[in-house]
Amino acid sequence: MEKYDPQSGDEASQWPEIDFGQPVVLEKVRLVPSQYPVGQTNHQLWAGDPDHNMFLVVELTRATRGGQTMEYLLPEVLPIIRSLGIVTVSSQSWVSWREIVVISRPAP
């Protein structure tokens, strides 16, 4: 389990990208935004394979508020990855994350 607390201090589109340093199999991602005001947001999870080719995993579009937990359980069919990026495409507030938790296991 990895935990990160990134803050961009700017408007969308901003993103943190996590490089795991080795191929992993992702199981779950938990995101907790720090935002004000409450409003509609659009976040995308992008994964990078061991050759650094990025692909969209999921798009999370919903009304969010600061401190709200968003969890995404990744499907077993997701290929082995090396990195994960969280892109905020749109938001009414500055982009900031109170917490990013990634549950993963080493690739076979």
Protein backbone atom coordinates (compact mmCIF):
# COMPACT_ATOMS: atom_id res chain seq x y z
CA MET A 1 0.00 0.00 0.00
CA GLU A 2 1.32 3.41 -0.98
CA LYS A 3 -0.04 6.73 0.34
CA TYR A 4 0.55 10.13 -1.24
CA ASP A 5 -0.55 13.67 -0.37
CA PRO A 6 0.05 15.80 -3.50
CA GLN A 7 -1.24 19.33 -4.02
CA SER A 8 -0.91 21.24 -7.26
CA GLY A 9 -2.03 24.69 -6.13
CA ASP A 10 -3.61 25.44 -9.50
CA GLU A 11 -6.74 24.90 -11.58
CA ALA A 12 -7.56 21.83 -13.69
CA SER A 13 -6.04 20.21 -15.64
CA GLN A 14 -3.41 19.03 -13.14
CA TRP A 15 -2.19 15.57 -12.27
CA PRO A 16 0.09 13.61 -10.01
CA GLU A 17 1.76 10.55 -11.52
CA ILE A 18 3.07 7.71 -9.38
CA ASP A 19 5.94 5.58 -10.69
CA PHE A 20 6.06 2.29 -8.78
CA GLY A 21 9.66 1.61 -9.83
CA GLN A 22 8.73 -1.90 -10.93
CA PRO A 23 5.81 -3.61 -12.66
CA VAL A 24 2.80 -4.10 -10.37
CA VAL A 25 -0.75 -5.40 -10.49
CA LEU A 26 -3.16 -2.76 -9.20
CA GLU A 27 -6.07 -3.86 -7.08
CA LYS A 28 -7.70 -0.69 -5.75
CA VAL A 29 -7.29 3.08 -5.80
CA ARG A 30 -8.78 5.33 -3.11
CA LEU A 31 -8.88 9.08 -3.75
CA VAL A 32 -9.79 11.75 -1.20
CA PRO A 33 -9.97 15.26 -2.67
CA SER A 34 -9.40 18.46 -0.78
CA GLN A 35 -11.62 20.96 -2.55
CA TYR A 36 -13.88 23.92 -2.00
CA PRO A 37 -16.54 24.54 -3.15
CA VAL A 38 -18.55 21.33 -3.57
CA GLY A 39 -19.16 20.69 -7.23
CA GLN A 40 -18.99 18.54 -10.32
CA THR A 41 -15.55 17.11 -11.04
CA ASN A 42 -14.10 14.89 -13.71
CA HIS A 43 -11.06 12.76 -12.83
CA GLN A 44 -9.36 10.17 -15.02
CA LEU A 45 -7.09 7.32 -13.92
CA TRP A 46 -4.34 6.61 -16.46
CA ALA A 47 -2.01 3.62 -16.22
CA GLY A 48 1.40 3.25 -17.80
CA ASP A 49 2.73 -0.11 -18.89
CA PRO A 50 6.40 -1.10 -18.32
CA ASP A 51 7.27 0.56 -21.67
CA HIS A 52 5.65 3.84 -20.46
CA ASN A 53 2.65 3.65 -22.85
CA MET A 54 -0.29 5.32 -21.08
CA PHE A 55 -3.91 4.14 -21.33
CA LEU A 56 -7.16 5.30 -19.73
CA VAL A 57 -8.41 3.00 -16.96
CA VAL A 58 -11.56 4.83 -15.82
CA GLU A 59 -13.21 8.24 -15.81
CA LEU A 60 -14.87 9.36 -12.57
CA THR A 61 -17.39 12.14 -13.15
CA ARG A 62 -19.55 13.15 -10.21
CA ALA A 63 -20.32 15.82 -7.66
CA THR A 64 -17.57 15.77 -5.04
CA ARG A 65 -16.70 17.58 -1.83
CA GLY A 66 -13.56 17.88 0.23
CA GLY A 67 -12.91 14.79 2.33
CA GLN A 68 -15.20 12.55 0.26
CA THR A 69 -13.67 9.13 -0.46
CA MET A 70 -13.82 7.81 -4.02
CA GLU A 71 -12.78 4.18 -4.46
CA TYR A 72 -12.22 2.26 -7.64
CA LEU A 73 -11.68 -1.49 -7.59
CA LEU A 74 -9.62 -2.37 -10.65
CA PRO A 75 -10.63 -5.36 -12.76
CA GLU A 76 -8.44 -8.45 -12.76
CA VAL A 77 -7.96 -8.08 -16.53
CA LEU A 78 -5.94 -4.87 -16.16
CA PRO A 79 -2.46 -5.51 -17.56
CA ILE A 80 0.68 -5.19 -15.48
CA ILE A 81 1.56 -1.53 -15.04
CA ARG A 82 4.45 0.57 -13.79
CA SER A 83 2.79 3.96 -13.20
CA LEU A 84 -0.55 5.55 -12.38
CA GLY A 85 -1.65 9.09 -13.18
CA ILE A 86 -4.69 10.89 -11.80
CA VAL A 87 -5.79 13.66 -14.18
CA THR A 88 -8.36 16.23 -13.07
CA VAL A 89 -10.00 17.21 -16.32
CA SER A 90 -12.46 19.69 -14.80
CA SER A 91 -13.36 21.05 -11.38
CA GLN A 92 -14.90 24.19 -9.90
CA SER A 93 -12.06 24.44 -7.38
CA TRP A 94 -8.28 24.18 -7.33
CA VAL A 95 -6.91 20.69 -7.76
CA SER A 96 -5.70 19.11 -4.54
CA TRP A 97 -5.66 15.64 -3.02
CA ARG A 98 -5.93 15.01 0.68
CA GLU A 99 -5.01 11.38 0.07
CA ILE A 100 -4.21 8.94 -2.73
CA VAL A 101 -3.99 5.30 -1.62
CA VAL A 102 -2.93 2.63 -4.09
CA ILE A 103 -3.33 -1.06 -3.23
CA SER A 104 -1.07 -3.18 -5.43
CA ARG A 105 0.96 -6.35 -5.48
CA PRO A 106 4.20 -7.20 -7.28
CA ALA A 107 3.75 -8.43 -10.84
CA PRO A 108 4.29 -12.16 -11.34
